[in-house]
C-alpha cells in the first residue's frame, strides 16, 4: 500500500507531552496517529466524546462559592501567594 504524508501543527509542549506518553506505551507519534485514524474509520466518527464538560454538583457549588467570595468586597484580598501564606501562619 502506498504511503501518504500528513503534516500536523501543534504547540511544542503538546508534542513533547504526547511523544512522552506514546513512548511509555511503546509507540511513536506516527503509530499513535495511525491508530487514531483507523479507530475513527472503524467508529465512523471521532472515537471519543467531544463535548463541553458540565461540572458536577460539588464542582458547581465550589465555583459558585468562589464567585460569591469574589463579589464580596469586604473580604480580605491578597496580592501574592506568599502574602496569603503569611496570613495563614499568623
Protein backbone atom coordinates (compact mmCIF):
# COMPACT_ATOMS: atom_id res chain seq x y z
CA UNK A 1 0.00 0.00 0.00
CA UNK A 2 1.35 3.43 -0.94
CA UNK A 3 2.09 5.77 1.96
CA UNK A 4 0.84 9.38 2.14
CA UNK A 5 2.25 12.20 4.26
CA UNK A 6 0.17 14.23 6.70
CA UNK A 7 1.54 17.42 8.23
CA UNK A 8 0.11 18.32 11.64
CA UNK A 9 0.85 21.53 13.51
CA UNK A 10 0.70 21.63 17.29
CA UNK A 11 2.46 23.55 20.03
CA UNK A 12 5.82 22.25 21.30
CA UNK A 13 4.53 21.40 24.80
CA UNK A 14 1.70 19.25 23.44
CA UNK A 15 4.09 17.49 21.05
CA UNK A 16 6.63 16.74 23.79
CA UNK A 17 3.95 15.50 26.21
CA UNK A 18 2.35 13.31 23.53
CA UNK A 19 5.71 11.85 22.48
CA UNK A 20 6.49 11.06 26.11
CA UNK A 21 3.12 9.37 26.65
CA UNK A 22 3.32 7.39 23.42
CA UNK A 23 6.89 6.33 24.24
CA UNK A 24 5.66 4.93 27.57
CA UNK A 25 3.08 2.98 25.58
CA UNK A 26 5.77 1.68 23.21
CA UNK A 27 4.52 3.83 20.32
CA UNK A 28 5.89 6.64 18.21
CA UNK A 29 3.85 9.65 17.01
CA UNK A 30 3.23 8.14 13.57
CA UNK A 31 1.88 4.90 15.01
CA UNK A 32 -0.32 6.74 17.52
CA UNK A 33 -1.81 8.97 14.82
CA UNK A 34 -2.40 5.95 12.57
CA UNK A 35 -4.20 4.20 15.44
CA UNK A 36 -6.41 7.28 15.88
CA UNK A 37 -7.20 7.43 12.13
CA UNK A 38 -8.01 3.71 11.91
CA UNK A 39 -10.24 3.85 15.02
CA UNK A 40 -12.03 6.92 13.58
CA UNK A 41 -12.71 5.00 10.37
CA UNK A 42 -13.88 1.93 12.31
CA UNK A 43 -16.08 4.08 14.58
CA UNK A 44 -17.20 6.24 11.63
CA UNK A 45 -16.53 9.36 13.69
CA UNK A 46 -14.27 10.70 16.41
CA UNK A 47 -13.56 7.66 18.62
CA UNK A 48 -14.09 9.56 21.87
CA UNK A 49 -16.54 12.12 23.22
CA UNK A 50 -16.06 15.67 22.02
CA UNK A 51 -18.19 17.72 24.36
CA UNK A 52 -18.36 20.60 26.76
CA UNK A 53 -17.90 19.19 30.23
CA UNK A 54 -20.64 20.08 32.67
CA UNK A 55 -19.37 20.32 36.24
CA UNK A 56 -20.90 18.01 38.85
CA UNK A 57 -22.82 19.41 41.83
CA UNK A 58 -19.75 19.63 44.10
CA UNK A 59 -17.69 21.45 41.48
CA UNK A 60 -20.60 23.74 40.60
CA UNK A 61 -21.07 24.62 44.30
CA UNK A 62 -17.35 25.39 44.64
CA UNK A 63 -17.43 27.63 41.58
CA UNK A 64 -20.49 29.47 42.90
CA UNK A 65 -18.79 29.94 46.29
CA UNK A 66 -15.74 31.36 44.53
CA UNK A 67 -17.95 33.79 42.63
CA UNK A 68 -19.62 34.89 45.90
CA UNK A 69 -16.24 35.43 47.57
CA UNK A 70 -15.01 37.48 44.61
CA UNK A 71 -18.15 39.63 44.67
CA UNK A 72 -17.83 40.31 48.43
CA UNK A 73 -15.53 43.34 48.55
CA UNK A 74 -15.45 43.24 52.36
CA UNK A 75 -13.29 40.08 52.19
CA UNK A 76 -9.54 40.39 52.68
CA UNK A 77 -7.58 40.34 49.45
CA UNK A 78 -4.00 39.12 48.96
CA UNK A 79 -1.55 40.30 46.35
CA UNK A 80 0.51 37.11 46.28
CA UNK A 81 0.56 33.52 47.47
CA UNK A 82 3.39 34.45 49.84
CA UNK A 83 1.17 37.13 51.42
CA UNK A 84 -1.66 34.60 51.81
CA UNK A 85 0.68 32.01 53.37
CA UNK A 86 1.97 34.59 55.85
CA UNK A 87 -1.62 35.46 56.86
CA UNK A 88 -2.46 31.77 57.33
CA UNK A 89 0.56 31.28 59.60
CA UNK A 90 -0.48 34.14 61.90
